[in-house]
């Protein structure tokens, strides 16, 4: 179970669990390719609404940099915290121009046999 051993930490942020990192990296790769269907991933992702997809594209466009795959150093600052029925994760995105950028992926992880990821937003916190 991919959520087994993940702390239900509601009092403080913790580093994103190592077992979630490859899945999150795959989700980011799809966003970089502008593929919001997530069909080719081995990850359960709730496809975002058209409105959210438009907002994410707009946020990325307004930011003005070219997104790339996650670099290893993003995990130094990537965090999660538990709410009643999910974990909230924040991961900085990477760009060609800046490396690790201020633009961040915000997503929810729902506890299940196979975790289900749900994108909340992409914006500068």
PDB file of N, CA and C in Angstrom:
ATOM      1  N   UNK A   1       0.854  -1.179   0.000  1.00  0.00           N
ATOM      2  CA  UNK A   1       0.000   0.000   0.000  1.00  0.00           C
ATOM      3  C   UNK A   1       0.896   1.237   0.000  1.00  0.00           C
ATOM      4  N   UNK A   2       0.662   2.147  -0.944  1.00  0.00           N
ATOM      5  CA  UNK A   2       1.525   3.305  -1.113  1.00  0.00           C
ATOM      6  C   UNK A   2       1.294   4.395  -0.068  1.00  0.00           C
ATOM      7  N   UNK A   3       0.274   4.252   0.746  1.00  0.00           N
ATOM      8  CA  UNK A   3       0.082   5.227   1.822  1.00  0.00           C
ATOM      9  C   UNK A   3       0.447   4.618   3.176  1.00  0.00           C
ATOM     10  N   UNK A   4       0.795   3.337   3.177  1.00  0.00           N
ATOM     11  CA  UNK A   4       1.205   2.682   4.412  1.00  0.00           C
ATOM     12  C   UNK A   4       2.480   3.335   4.926  1.00  0.00           C
ATOM     13  N   UNK A   5       2.495   3.663   6.194  1.00  0.00           N
ATOM     14  CA  UNK A   5       3.665   4.276   6.795  1.00  0.00           C
ATOM     15  C   UNK A   5       3.747   5.782   6.610  1.00  0.00           C
ATOM     16  N   UNK A   6       2.826   6.364   5.833  1.00  0.00           N
ATOM     17  CA  UNK A   6       2.815   7.811   5.650  1.00  0.00           C
ATOM     18  C   UNK A   6       2.112   8.426   6.852  1.00  0.00           C
ATOM     19  N   UNK A   7       2.792   9.351   7.493  1.00  0.00           N
ATOM     20  CA  UNK A   7       2.246   9.939   8.713  1.00  0.00           C
ATOM     21  C   UNK A   7       1.009  10.785   8.426  1.00  0.00           C
ATOM     22  N   UNK A   8       0.067  10.705   9.324  1.00  0.00           N
ATOM     23  CA  UNK A   8      -1.126  11.558   9.257  1.00  0.00           C
ATOM     24  C   UNK A   8      -0.847  12.768  10.140  1.00  0.00           C
ATOM     25  N   UNK A   9       0.064  13.578   9.652  1.00  0.00           N
ATOM     26  CA  UNK A   9       0.609  14.726  10.377  1.00  0.00           C
ATOM     27  C   UNK A   9      -0.238  15.968  10.167  1.00  0.00           C
ATOM     28  N   UNK A  10      -1.089  16.275  11.091  1.00  0.00           N
ATOM     29  CA  UNK A  10      -1.940  17.456  10.937  1.00  0.00           C
ATOM     30  C   UNK A  10      -1.358  18.675  11.642  1.00  0.00           C
ATOM     31  N   UNK A  11      -0.271  18.490  12.366  1.00  0.00           N
ATOM     32  CA  UNK A  11       0.276  19.593  13.148  1.00  0.00           C
ATOM     33  C   UNK A  11       1.484  20.280  12.515  1.00  0.00           C
ATOM     34  N   UNK A  12       2.113  19.639  11.517  1.00  0.00           N
ATOM     35  CA  UNK A  12       3.279  20.260  10.883  1.00  0.00           C
ATOM     36  C   UNK A  12       3.548  19.627   9.525  1.00  0.00           C
ATOM     37  N   UNK A  13       4.206  20.397   8.665  1.00  0.00           N
ATOM     38  CA  UNK A  13       4.578  19.888   7.348  1.00  0.00           C
ATOM     39  C   UNK A  13       5.779  18.960   7.483  1.00  0.00           C
ATOM     40  N   UNK A  14       5.791  17.925   6.644  1.00  0.00           N
ATOM     41  CA  UNK A  14       6.902  16.972   6.598  1.00  0.00           C
ATOM     42  C   UNK A  14       7.365  16.817   5.158  1.00  0.00           C
ATOM     43  N   UNK A  15       8.586  16.304   4.942  1.00  0.00           N
ATOM     44  CA  UNK A  15       9.052  16.059   3.575  1.00  0.00           C
ATOM     45  C   UNK A  15       8.156  15.039   2.868  1.00  0.00           C
ATOM     46  N   UNK A  16       7.947  15.239   1.570  1.00  0.00           N
ATOM     47  CA  UNK A  16       7.114  14.319   0.785  1.00  0.00           C
ATOM     48  C   UNK A  16       7.722  12.919   0.855  1.00  0.00           C
ATOM     49  N   UNK A  17       6.909  11.905   1.151  1.00  0.00           N
ATOM     50  CA  UNK A  17       7.427  10.534   1.251  1.00  0.00           C
ATOM     51  C   UNK A  17       8.118  10.089  -0.038  1.00  0.00           C
ATOM     52  N   UNK A  18       9.225   9.389   0.102  1.00  0.00           N
ATOM     53  CA  UNK A  18      10.000   8.936  -1.055  1.00  0.00           C
ATOM     54  C   UNK A  18       9.177   8.067  -1.993  1.00  0.00           C
ATOM     55  N   UNK A  19       8.260   7.278  -1.471  1.00  0.00           N
ATOM     56  CA  UNK A  19       7.483   6.393  -2.343  1.00  0.00           C
ATOM     57  C   UNK A  19       6.481   7.145  -3.217  1.00  0.00           C
ATOM     58  N   UNK A  20       6.135   8.387  -2.861  1.00  0.00           N
ATOM     59  CA  UNK A  20       5.242   9.195  -3.698  1.00  0.00           C
ATOM     60  C   UNK A  20       5.993   9.969  -4.775  1.00  0.00           C
ATOM     61  N   UNK A  21       7.280  10.181  -4.589  1.00  0.00           N
ATOM     62  CA  UNK A  21       8.042  11.076  -5.458  1.00  0.00           C
ATOM     63  C   UNK A  21       8.024  10.663  -6.929  1.00  0.00           C
ATOM     64  N   UNK A  22       8.235   9.399  -7.275  1.00  0.00           N
ATOM     65  CA  UNK A  22       8.181   9.032  -8.704  1.00  0.00           C
ATOM     66  C   UNK A  22       6.802   9.274  -9.313  1.00  0.00           C
ATOM     67  N   UNK A  23       5.754   9.058  -8.547  1.00  0.00           N
ATOM     68  CA  UNK A  23       4.399   9.288  -9.048  1.00  0.00           C
ATOM     69  C   UNK A  23       4.155  10.776  -9.286  1.00  0.00           C
ATOM     70  N   UNK A  24       4.604  11.596  -8.353  1.00  0.00           N
ATOM     71  CA  UNK A  24       4.449  13.045  -8.515  1.00  0.00           C
ATOM     72  C   UNK A  24       5.283  13.526  -9.702  1.00  0.00           C
ATOM     73  N   UNK A  25       6.476  12.980  -9.860  1.00  0.00           N
ATOM     74  CA  UNK A  25       7.324  13.351 -11.002  1.00  0.00           C
ATOM     75  C   UNK A  25       6.635  12.991 -12.320  1.00  0.00           C
ATOM     76  N   UNK A  26       5.942  11.858 -12.364  1.00  0.00           N
ATOM     77  CA  UNK A  26       5.192  11.475 -13.570  1.00  0.00           C
ATOM     78  C   UNK A  26       4.052  12.449 -13.846  1.00  0.00           C
ATOM     79  N   UNK A  27       3.363  12.863 -12.796  1.00  0.00           N
ATOM     80  CA  UNK A  27       2.273  13.833 -12.952  1.00  0.00           C
ATOM     81  C   UNK A  27       2.827  15.143 -13.505  1.00  0.00           C
ATOM     82  N   UNK A  28       3.938  15.602 -12.956  1.00  0.00           N
ATOM     83  CA  UNK A  28       4.554  16.840 -13.439  1.00  0.00           C
ATOM     84  C   UNK A  28       4.986  16.681 -14.896  1.00  0.00           C
ATOM     85  N   UNK A  29       5.538  15.516 -15.247  1.00  0.00           N
ATOM     86  CA  UNK A  29       5.923  15.276 -16.638  1.00  0.00           C
ATOM     87  C   UNK A  29       4.746  15.430 -17.585  1.00  0.00           C
ATOM     88  N   UNK A  30       3.591  14.942 -17.171  1.00  0.00           N
ATOM     89  CA  UNK A  30       2.385  15.089 -18.005  1.00  0.00           C
ATOM     90  C   UNK A  30       1.985  16.555 -18.113  1.00  0.00           C
ATOM     91  N   UNK A  31       2.075  17.295 -17.028  1.00  0.00           N
ATOM     92  CA  UNK A  31       1.750  18.725 -17.071  1.00  0.00           C
ATOM     93  C   UNK A  31       2.711  19.450 -18.004  1.00  0.00           C
ATOM     94  N   UNK A  32       3.998  19.111 -17.938  1.00  0.00           N
ATOM     95  CA  UNK A  32       4.993  19.728 -18.825  1.00  0.00           C
ATOM     96  C   UNK A  32       4.619  19.478 -20.292  1.00  0.00           C
ATOM     97  N   UNK A  33       4.086  18.286 -20.586  1.00  0.00           N
ATOM     98  CA  UNK A  33       3.670  17.935 -21.954  1.00  0.00           C
ATOM     99  C   UNK A  33       2.271  18.459 -22.289  1.00  0.00           C
ATOM    100  N   UNK A  34       1.649  19.159 -21.329  1.00  0.00           N
ATOM    101  CA  UNK A  34       0.291  19.671 -21.500  1.00  0.00           C
ATOM    102  C   UNK A  34      -0.717  18.531 -21.706  1.00  0.00           C
ATOM    103  N   UNK A  35      -0.476  17.419 -21.045  1.00  0.00           N
ATOM    104  CA  UNK A  35      -1.339  16.238 -21.143  1.00  0.00           C
ATOM    105  C   UNK A  35      -2.101  16.088 -19.828  1.00  0.00           C
ATOM    106  N   UNK A  36      -3.312  16.629 -19.813  1.00  0.00           N
ATOM    107  CA  UNK A  36      -4.107  16.584 -18.587  1.00  0.00           C
ATOM    108  C   UNK A  36      -5.028  15.362 -18.524  1.00  0.00           C
ATOM    109  N   UNK A  37      -4.895  14.445 -19.471  1.00  0.00           N
ATOM    110  CA  UNK A  37      -5.675  13.209 -19.396  1.00  0.00           C
ATOM    111  C   UNK A  37      -5.021  12.228 -18.427  1.00  0.00           C
ATOM    112  N   UNK A  38      -3.706  12.286 -18.317  1.00  0.00           N
ATOM    113  CA  UNK A  38      -2.920  11.412 -17.442  1.00  0.00           C
ATOM    114  C   UNK A  38      -3.134   9.925 -17.754  1.00  0.00           C
ATOM    115  N   UNK A  39      -3.622   9.624 -18.944  1.00  0.00           N
ATOM    116  CA  UNK A  39      -3.939   8.243 -19.309  1.00  0.00           C
ATOM    117  C   UNK A  39      -2.717   7.347 -19.430  1.00  0.00           C
ATOM    118  N   UNK A  40      -1.583   7.907 -19.809  1.00  0.00           N
ATOM    119  CA  UNK A  40      -0.387   7.096 -20.033  1.00  0.00           C
ATOM    120  C   UNK A  40       0.433   6.873 -18.768  1.00  0.00           C
ATOM    121  N   UNK A  41      -0.061   7.316 -17.642  1.00  0.00           N
ATOM    122  CA  UNK A  41       0.681   7.179 -16.392  1.00  0.00           C
ATOM    123  C   UNK A  41       0.246   5.935 -15.632  1.00  0.00           C
ATOM    124  N   UNK A  42       1.158   5.406 -14.855  1.00  0.00           N
ATOM    125  CA  UNK A  42       0.832   4.302 -13.945  1.00  0.00           C
ATOM    126  C   UNK A  42       0.504   4.861 -12.567  1.00  0.00           C
ATOM    127  N   UNK A  43      -0.249   5.942 -12.568  1.00  0.00           N
ATOM    128  CA  UNK A  43      -0.619   6.660 -11.353  1.00  0.00           C
ATOM    129  C   UNK A  43      -2.108   6.969 -11.440  1.00  0.00           C
ATOM    130  N   UNK A  44      -2.806   6.835 -10.329  1.00  0.00           N
ATOM    131  CA  UNK A  44      -4.217   7.237 -10.308  1.00  0.00           C
ATOM    132  C   UNK A  44      -4.294   8.740 -10.096  1.00  0.00           C
ATOM    133  N   UNK A  45      -4.756   9.435 -11.133  1.00  0.00           N
ATOM    134  CA  UNK A  45      -4.883  10.885 -11.072  1.00  0.00           C
ATOM    135  C   UNK A  45      -6.301  11.254 -11.473  1.00  0.00           C
ATOM    136  N   UNK A  46      -6.936  12.047 -10.644  1.00  0.00           N
ATOM    137  CA  UNK A  46      -8.252  12.591 -10.990  1.00  0.00           C
ATOM    138  C   UNK A  46      -8.014  13.690 -12.027  1.00  0.00           C
ATOM    139  N   UNK A  47      -8.485  13.505 -13.261  1.00  0.00           N
ATOM    140  CA  UNK A  47      -8.257  14.551 -14.268  1.00  0.00           C
ATOM    141  C   UNK A  47      -8.899  15.866 -13.819  1.00  0.00           C
ATOM    142  N   UNK A  48      -8.154  16.961 -13.917  1.00  0.00           N
ATOM    143  CA  UNK A  48      -8.733  18.243 -13.502  1.00  0.00           C
ATOM    144  C   UNK A  48      -9.819  18.699 -14.463  1.00  0.00           C
ATOM    145  N   UNK A  49     -10.729  19.500 -13.955  1.00  0.00           N
ATOM    146  CA  UNK A  49     -11.795  20.068 -14.786  1.00  0.00           C
ATOM    147  C   UNK A  49     -11.174  20.932 -15.881  1.00  0.00           C
ATOM    148  N   UNK A  50     -11.956  21.198 -16.909  1.00  0.00           N
ATOM    149  CA  UNK A  50     -11.489  22.085 -17.991  1.00  0.00           C
ATOM    150  C   UNK A  50     -11.118  23.457 -17.422  1.00  0.00           C
ATOM    151  N   UNK A  51     -11.920  23.942 -16.487  1.00  0.00           N
ATOM    152  CA  UNK A  51     -11.666  25.248 -15.868  1.00  0.00           C
ATOM    153  C   UNK A  51     -10.320  25.247 -15.142  1.00  0.00           C
ATOM    154  N   UNK A  52     -10.029  24.184 -14.391  1.00  0.00           N
ATOM    155  CA  UNK A  52      -8.758  24.089 -13.681  1.00  0.00           C
ATOM    156  C   UNK A  52      -7.601  23.935 -14.667  1.00  0.00           C
ATOM    157  N   UNK A  53      -7.799  23.152 -15.722  1.00  0.00           N
ATOM    158  CA  UNK A  53      -6.759  23.021 -16.746  1.00  0.00           C
ATOM    159  C   UNK A  53      -6.420  24.386 -17.344  1.00  0.00           C
ATOM    160  N   UNK A  54      -7.457  25.170 -17.659  1.00  0.00           N
ATOM    161  CA  UNK A  54      -7.240  26.510 -18.217  1.00  0.00           C
ATOM    162  C   UNK A  54      -6.485  27.391 -17.221  1.00  0.00           C
ATOM    163  N   UNK A  55      -6.864  27.306 -15.942  1.00  0.00           N
ATOM    164  CA  UNK A  55      -6.191  28.094 -14.915  1.00  0.00           C
ATOM    165  C   UNK A  55      -4.715  27.704 -14.813  1.00  0.00           C
ATOM    166  N   UNK A  56      -4.430  26.411 -14.848  1.00  0.00           N
ATOM    167  CA  UNK A  56      -3.042  25.939 -14.760  1.00  0.00           C
ATOM    168  C   UNK A  56      -2.240  26.426 -15.961  1.00  0.00           C
ATOM    169  N   UNK A  57      -2.811  26.288 -17.155  1.00  0.00           N
ATOM    170  CA  UNK A  57      -2.117  26.775 -18.359  1.00  0.00           C
ATOM    171  C   UNK A  57      -1.851  28.278 -18.260  1.00  0.00           C
ATOM    172  N   UNK A  58      -2.838  29.025 -17.771  1.00  0.00           N
ATOM    173  CA  UNK A  58      -2.701  30.474 -17.616  1.00  0.00           C
ATOM    174  C   UNK A  58      -1.614  30.806 -16.591  1.00  0.00           C
ATOM    175  N   UNK A  59      -1.597  30.091 -15.472  1.00  0.00           N
ATOM    176  CA  UNK A  59      -0.578  30.325 -14.439  1.00  0.00           C
ATOM    177  C   UNK A  59       0.822  30.067 -14.982  1.00  0.00           C
ATOM    178  N   UNK A  60       0.963  28.974 -15.727  1.00  0.00           N
ATOM    179  CA  UNK A  60       2.259  28.636 -16.311  1.00  0.00           C
ATOM    180  C   UNK A  60       2.656  29.700 -17.343  1.00  0.00           C
ATOM    181  N   UNK A  61       1.704  30.100 -18.195  1.00  0.00           N
ATOM    182  CA  UNK A  61       1.978  31.124 -19.197  1.00  0.00           C
ATOM    183  C   UNK A  61       2.341  32.459 -18.570  1.00  0.00           C
ATOM    184  N   UNK A  62       1.601  32.858 -17.549  1.00  0.00           N
ATOM    185  CA  UNK A  62       1.874  34.124 -16.868  1.00  0.00           C
ATOM    186  C   UNK A  62       3.229  34.104 -16.166  1.00  0.00           C
ATOM    187  N   UNK A  63       3.627  32.938 -15.698  1.00  0.00           N
ATOM    188  CA  UNK A  63       4.915  32.830 -15.016  1.00  0.00           C
ATOM    189  C   UNK A  63       6.050  33.120 -15.993  1.00  0.00           C
ATOM    190  N   UNK A  64       5.866  32.717 -17.247  1.00  0.00           N
ATOM    191  CA  UNK A  64       6.797  33.120 -18.294  1.00  0.00           C
ATOM    192  C   UNK A  64       8.048  32.290 -18.451  1.00  0.00           C
ATOM    193  N   UNK A  65       8.081  31.107 -17.907  1.00  0.00           N
ATOM    194  CA  UNK A  65       9.232  30.226 -18.064  1.00  0.00           C
ATOM    195  C   UNK A  65       8.779  28.905 -18.683  1.00  0.00           C
ATOM    196  N   UNK A  66       9.725  28.176 -19.222  1.00  0.00           N
ATOM    197  CA  UNK A  66       9.448  26.878 -19.842  1.00  0.00           C
ATOM    198  C   UNK A  66       9.623  25.781 -18.798  1.00  0.00           C
ATOM    199  N   UNK A  67       8.532  25.089 -18.476  1.00  0.00           N
ATOM    200  CA  UNK A  67       8.616  24.020 -17.480  1.00  0.00           C
ATOM    201  C   UNK A  67       9.377  22.818 -18.021  1.00  0.00           C
ATOM    202  N   UNK A  68      10.090  22.157 -17.113  1.00  0.00           N
ATOM    203  CA  UNK A  68      10.828  20.932 -17.432  1.00  0.00           C
ATOM    204  C   UNK A  68      10.529  19.904 -16.347  1.00  0.00           C
ATOM    205  N   UNK A  69      11.032  18.699 -16.535  1.00  0.00           N
ATOM    206  CA  UNK A  69      10.856  17.634 -15.537  1.00  0.00           C
ATOM    207  C   UNK A  69      11.460  18.072 -14.201  1.00  0.00           C
ATOM    208  N   UNK A  70      10.967  17.481 -13.137  1.00  0.00           N
ATOM    209  CA  UNK A  70      11.469  17.817 -11.801  1.00  0.00           C
ATOM    210  C   UNK A  70      12.940  17.435 -11.663  1.00  0.00           C
ATOM    211  N   UNK A  71      13.677  18.291 -11.005  1.00  0.00           N
ATOM    212  CA  UNK A  71      15.069  17.999 -10.657  1.00  0.00           C
ATOM    213  C   UNK A  71      15.093  17.387  -9.262  1.00  0.00           C
ATOM    214  N   UNK A  72      16.149  16.665  -8.977  1.00  0.00           N
ATOM    215  CA  UNK A  72      16.258  15.979  -7.685  1.00  0.00           C
ATOM    216  C   UNK A  72      16.194  16.942  -6.503  1.00  0.00           C
ATOM    217  N   UNK A  73      16.678  18.165  -6.681  1.00  0.00           N
ATOM    218  CA  UNK A  73      16.728  19.078  -5.542  1.00  0.00           C
ATOM    219  C   UNK A  73      15.376  19.676  -5.152  1.00  0.00           C
ATOM    220  N   UNK A  74      14.309  19.436  -5.932  1.00  0.00           N
ATOM    221  CA  UNK A  74      12.991  19.937  -5.518  1.00  0.00           C
ATOM    222  C   UNK A  74      12.528  19.265  -4.234  1.00  0.00           C
ATOM    223  N   UNK A  75      12.994  18.048  -3.991  1.00  0.00           N
ATOM    224  CA  UNK A  75      12.500  17.295  -2.832  1.00  0.00           C
ATOM    225  C   UNK A  75      13.040  17.844  -1.517  1.00  0.00           C
ATOM    226  N   UNK A  76      14.049  18.720  -1.576  1.00  0.00           N
ATOM    227  CA  UNK A  76      14.562  19.333  -0.346  1.00  0.00           C
ATOM    228  C   UNK A  76      13.507  20.212   0.318  1.00  0.00           C
ATOM    229  N   UNK A  77      12.603  20.775  -0.503  1.00  0.00           N
ATOM    230  CA  UNK A  77      11.617  21.714   0.027  1.00  0.00           C
ATOM    231  C   UNK A  77      10.178  21.254  -0.177  1.00  0.00           C
ATOM    232  N   UNK A  78       9.962  20.120  -0.840  1.00  0.00           N
ATOM    233  CA  UNK A  78       8.609  19.603  -1.074  1.00  0.00           C
ATOM    234  C   UNK A  78       8.043  19.082   0.248  1.00  0.00           C
ATOM    235  N   UNK A  79       6.810  19.458   0.541  1.00  0.00           N
ATOM    236  CA  UNK A  79       6.218  19.112   1.836  1.00  0.00           C
ATOM    237  C   UNK A  79       4.805  18.572   1.676  1.00  0.00           C
ATOM    238  N   UNK A  80       4.358  17.927   2.735  1.00  0.00           N
ATOM    239  CA  UNK A  80       2.966  17.486   2.810  1.00  0.00           C
ATOM    240  C   UNK A  80       2.469  17.657   4.232  1.00  0.00           C
ATOM    241  N   UNK A  81       1.151  17.756   4.343  1.00  0.00           N
ATOM    242  CA  UNK A  81       0.496  17.819   5.647  1.00  0.00           C
ATOM    243  C   UNK A  81      -0.849  17.101   5.514  1.00  0.00           C
ATOM    244  N   UNK A  82      -1.310  16.528   6.584  1.00  0.00           N
ATOM    245  CA  UNK A  82      -2.556  15.757   6.546  1.00  0.00           C
ATOM    246  C   UNK A  82      -3.735  16.616   6.989  1.00  0.00           C
ATOM    247  N   UNK A  83      -4.815  16.503   6.236  1.00  0.00           N
ATOM    248  CA  UNK A  83      -6.097  17.069   6.630  1.00  0.00           C
ATOM    249  C   UNK A  83      -7.010  15.888   6.955  1.00  0.00           C
ATOM    250  N   UNK A  84      -8.251  16.119   7.239  1.00  0.00           N
ATOM    251  CA  UNK A  84      -9.139  15.039   7.684  1.00  0.00           C
ATOM    252  C   UNK A  84      -9.162  13.845   6.733  1.00  0.00           C
ATOM    253  N   UNK A  85      -9.355  14.101   5.444  1.00  0.00           N
ATOM    254  CA  UNK A  85      -9.564  12.984   4.517  1.00  0.00           C
ATOM    255  C   UNK A  85      -8.527  12.892   3.396  1.00  0.00           C
ATOM    256  N   UNK A  86      -7.438  13.670   3.497  1.00  0.00           N
ATOM    257  CA  UNK A  86      -6.409  13.638   2.457  1.00  0.00           C
ATOM    258  C   UNK A  86      -5.127  14.288   2.969  1.00  0.00           C
ATOM    259  N   UNK A  87      -4.054  14.098   2.201  1.00  0.00           N
ATOM    260  CA  UNK A  87      -2.822  14.830   2.426  1.00  0.00           C
ATOM    261  C   UNK A  87      -2.736  15.938   1.388  1.00  0.00           C
ATOM    262  N   UNK A  88      -2.232  17.088   1.764  1.00  0.00           N
ATOM    263  CA  UNK A  88      -1.974  18.190   0.831  1.00  0.00           C
ATOM    264  C   UNK A  88      -0.466  18.221   0.586  1.00  0.00           C
ATOM    265  N   UNK A  89      -0.078  18.256  -0.689  1.00  0.00           N
ATOM    266  CA  UNK A  89       1.331  18.228  -1.075  1.00  0.00           C
ATOM    267  C   UNK A  89       1.644  19.497  -1.871  1.00  0.00           C
ATOM    268  N   UNK A  90       2.811  20.069  -1.614  1.00  0.00           N
ATOM    269  CA  UNK A  90       3.290  21.220  -2.386  1.00  0.00           C
ATOM    270  C   UNK A  90       4.691  20.897  -2.879  1.00  0.00           C
ATOM    271  N   UNK A  91       4.850  20.980  -4.213  1.00  0.00           N
ATOM    272  CA  UNK A  91       6.144  20.686  -4.842  1.00  0.00           C
ATOM    273  C   UNK A  91       6.485  21.832  -5.792  1.00  0.00           C
ATOM    274  N   UNK A  92       7.665  22.413  -5.625  1.00  0.00           N
ATOM    275  CA  UNK A  92       8.116  23.438  -6.559  1.00  0.00           C
ATOM    276  C   UNK A  92       8.352  22.806  -7.923  1.00  0.00           C
ATOM    277  N   UNK A  93       7.965  23.529  -8.971  1.00  0.00           N
ATOM    278  CA  UNK A  93       8.200  23.057 -10.332  1.00  0.00           C
ATOM    279  C   UNK A  93       9.544  23.576 -10.815  1.00  0.00           C
ATOM    280  N   UNK A  94      10.030  23.024 -11.922  1.00  0.00           N
ATOM    281  CA  UNK A  94      11.328  23.409 -12.469  1.00  0.00           C
ATOM    282  C   UNK A  94      11.148  24.018 -13.850  1.00  0.00           C
ATOM    283  N   UNK A  95      12.049  24.944 -14.186  1.00  0.00           N
ATOM    284  CA  UNK A  95      12.008  25.574 -15.501  1.00  0.00           C
ATOM    285  C   UNK A  95      13.411  25.596 -16.097  1.00  0.00           C
ATOM    286  N   UNK A  96      13.445  25.707 -17.424  1.00  0.00           N
ATOM    287  CA  UNK A  96      14.730  25.810 -18.122  1.00  0.00           C
ATOM    288  C   UNK A  96      15.499  27.038 -17.645  1.00  0.00           C
ATOM    289  N   UNK A  97      14.786  28.115 -17.409  1.00  0.00           N
ATOM    290  CA  UNK A  97      15.412  29.381 -17.095  1.00  0.00           C
ATOM    291  C   UNK A  97      15.923  29.474 -15.656  1.00  0.00           C
ATOM    292  N   UNK A  98      15.226  28.840 -14.713  1.00  0.00           N
ATOM    293  CA  UNK A  98      15.538  29.038 -13.297  1.00  0.00           C
ATOM    294  C   UNK A  98      16.007  27.791 -12.552  1.00  0.00           C
ATOM    295  N   UNK A  99      15.846  26.623 -13.131  1.00  0.00           N
ATOM    296  CA  UNK A  99      16.016  25.418 -12.329  1.00  0.00           C
ATOM    297  C   UNK A  99      14.776  25.269 -11.476  1.00  0.00           C
ATOM    298  N   UNK A 100      14.931  25.187 -10.168  1.00  0.00           N
ATOM    299  CA  UNK A 100      13.771  25.128  -9.277  1.00  0.00           C
ATOM    300  C   UNK A 100      13.133  26.516  -9.261  1.00  0.00           C
ATOM    301  N   UNK A 101      11.838  26.571  -9.548  1.00  0.00           N
ATOM    302  CA  UNK A 101      11.153  27.854  -9.679  1.00  0.00           C
ATOM    303  C   UNK A 101      10.283  28.147  -8.457  1.00  0.00           C
ATOM    304  N   UNK A 102       9.657  29.308  -8.483  1.00  0.00           N
ATOM    305  CA  UNK A 102       8.698  29.673  -7.434  1.00  0.00           C
ATOM    306  C   UNK A 102       7.314  29.101  -7.716  1.00  0.00           C
ATOM    307  N   UNK A 103       7.086  28.668  -8.951  1.00  0.00           N
ATOM    308  CA  UNK A 103       5.804  28.082  -9.338  1.00  0.00           C
ATOM    309  C   UNK A 103       5.691  26.700  -8.701  1.00  0.00           C
ATOM    310  N   UNK A 104       4.559  26.409  -8.083  1.00  0.00           N
ATOM    311  CA  UNK A 104       4.427  25.156  -7.341  1.00  0.00           C
ATOM    312  C   UNK A 104       3.171  24.392  -7.726  1.00  0.00           C
ATOM    313  N   UNK A 105       3.288  23.083  -7.686  1.00  0.00           N
ATOM    314  CA  UNK A 105       2.160  22.173  -7.865  1.00  0.00           C
ATOM    315  C   UNK A 105       1.557  21.909  -6.498  1.00  0.00           C
ATOM    316  N   UNK A 106       0.255  22.106  -6.391  1.00  0.00           N
ATOM    317  CA  UNK A 106      -0.481  21.817  -5.161  1.00  0.00           C
ATOM    318  C   UNK A 106      -1.406  20.657  -5.477  1.00  0.00           C
ATOM    319  N   UNK A 107      -1.275  19.577  -4.733  1.00  0.00           N
ATOM    320  CA  UNK A 107      -2.159  18.446  -4.995  1.00  0.00           C
ATOM    321  C   UNK A 107      -2.573  17.752  -3.724  1.00  0.00           C
ATOM    322  N   UNK A 108      -3.672  17.039  -3.844  1.00  0.00           N
ATOM    323  CA  UNK A 108      -4.195  16.240  -2.743  1.00  0.00           C
ATOM    324  C   UNK A 108      -3.870  14.779  -3.026  1.00  0.00           C
ATOM    325  N   UNK A 109      -3.617  14.031  -1.957  1.00  0.00           N
ATOM    326  CA  UNK A 109      -3.426  12.586  -2.067  1.00  0.00           C
ATOM    327  C   UNK A 109      -4.481  11.951  -1.179  1.00  0.00           C
ATOM    328  N   UNK A 110      -5.308  11.117  -1.809  1.00  0.00           N
ATOM    329  CA  UNK A 110      -6.373  10.439  -1.079  1.00  0.00           C
ATOM    330  C   UNK A 110      -5.915   9.027  -0.732  1.00  0.00           C
ATOM    331  N   UNK A 111      -6.137   8.642   0.497  1.00  0.00           N
ATOM    332  CA  UNK A 111      -5.716   7.336   1.006  1.00  0.00           C
ATOM    333  C   UNK A 111      -6.555   6.233   0.391  1.00  0.00           C
ATOM    334  N   UNK A 112      -5.893   5.247  -0.154  1.00  0.00           N
ATOM    335  CA  UNK A 112      -6.553   4.094  -0.754  1.00  0.00           C
ATOM    336  C   UNK A 112      -5.498   3.006  -0.926  1.00  0.00           C
ATOM    337  N   UNK A 113      -5.892   1.849  -1.410  1.00  0.00           N
ATOM    338  CA  UNK A 113      -4.915   0.787  -1.677  1.00  0.00           C
ATOM    339  C   UNK A 113      -3.843   1.329  -2.622  1.00  0.00           C
ATOM    340  N   UNK A 114      -4.295   2.009  -3.663  1.00  0.00           N
ATOM    341  CA  UNK A 114      -3.398   2.760  -4.549  1.00  0.00           C
ATOM    342  C   UNK A 114      -3.781   4.220  -4.365  1.00  0.00           C
ATOM    343  N   UNK A 115      -2.838   5.076  -3.943  1.00  0.00           N
ATOM    344  CA  UNK A 115      -3.225   6.465  -3.673  1.00  0.00           C
ATOM    345  C   UNK A 115      -3.770   7.146  -4.920  1.00  0.00           C
ATOM    346  N   UNK A 116      -4.716   8.035  -4.701  1.00  0.00           N
ATOM    347  CA  UNK A 116      -5.294   8.797  -5.799  1.00  0.00           C
ATOM    348  C   UNK A 116      -4.863  10.248  -5.636  1.00  0.00           C
ATOM    349  N   UNK A 117      -4.266  10.775  -6.703  1.00  0.00           N
ATOM    350  CA  UNK A 117      -3.776  12.150  -6.692  1.00  0.00           C
ATOM    351  C   UNK A 117      -4.806  13.054  -7.359  1.00  0.00           C
ATOM    352  N   UNK A 118      -4.968  14.240  -6.788  1.00  0.00           N
ATOM    353  CA  UNK A 118      -5.908  15.220  -7.335  1.00  0.00           C
ATOM    354  C   UNK A 118      -5.205  16.576  -7.355  1.00  0.00           C
ATOM    355  N   UNK A 119      -5.053  17.148  -8.523  1.00  0.00           N
ATOM    356  CA  UNK A 119      -4.395  18.440  -8.641  1.00  0.00           C
ATOM    357  C   UNK A 119      -5.327  19.529  -8.128  1.00  0.00           C
ATOM    358  N   UNK A 120      -4.814  20.344  -7.207  1.00  0.00           N
ATOM    359  CA  UNK A 120      -5.584  21.464  -6.669  1.00  0.00           C
ATOM    360  C   UNK A 120      -5.286  22.737  -7.442  1.00  0.00           C
ATOM    361  N   UNK A 121      -3.992  22.939  -7.770  1.00  0.00           N
ATOM    362  CA  UNK A 121      -3.597  24.175  -8.424  1.00  0.00           C
ATOM    363  C   UNK A 121      -2.135  24.114  -8.845  1.00  0.00           C
ATOM    364  N   UNK A 122      -1.778  25.035  -9.713  1.00  0.00           N
ATOM    365  CA  UNK A 122      -0.380  25.354 -10.008  1.00  0.00           C
ATOM    366  C   UNK A 122      -0.306  26.866  -9.933  1.00  0.00           C
ATOM    367  N   UNK A 123       0.439  27.380  -8.956  1.00  0.00           N
ATOM    368  CA  UNK A 123       0.588  28.826  -8.794  1.00  0.00           C
ATOM    369  C   UNK A 123       1.788  29.130  -7.919  1.00  0.00           C
ATOM    370  N   UNK A 124       2.130  30.400  -7.845  1.00  0.00           N
ATOM    371  CA  UNK A 124       3.189  30.839  -6.939  1.00  0.00           C
ATOM    372  C   UNK A 124       2.557  31.086  -5.579  1.00  0.00           C
ATOM    373  N   UNK A 125       2.983  30.335  -4.554  1.00  0.00           N
ATOM    374  CA  UNK A 125       2.380  30.523  -3.230  1.00  0.00           C
ATOM    375  C   UNK A 125       2.741  31.873  -2.621  1.00  0.00           C
TER     376      UNK A 125
END
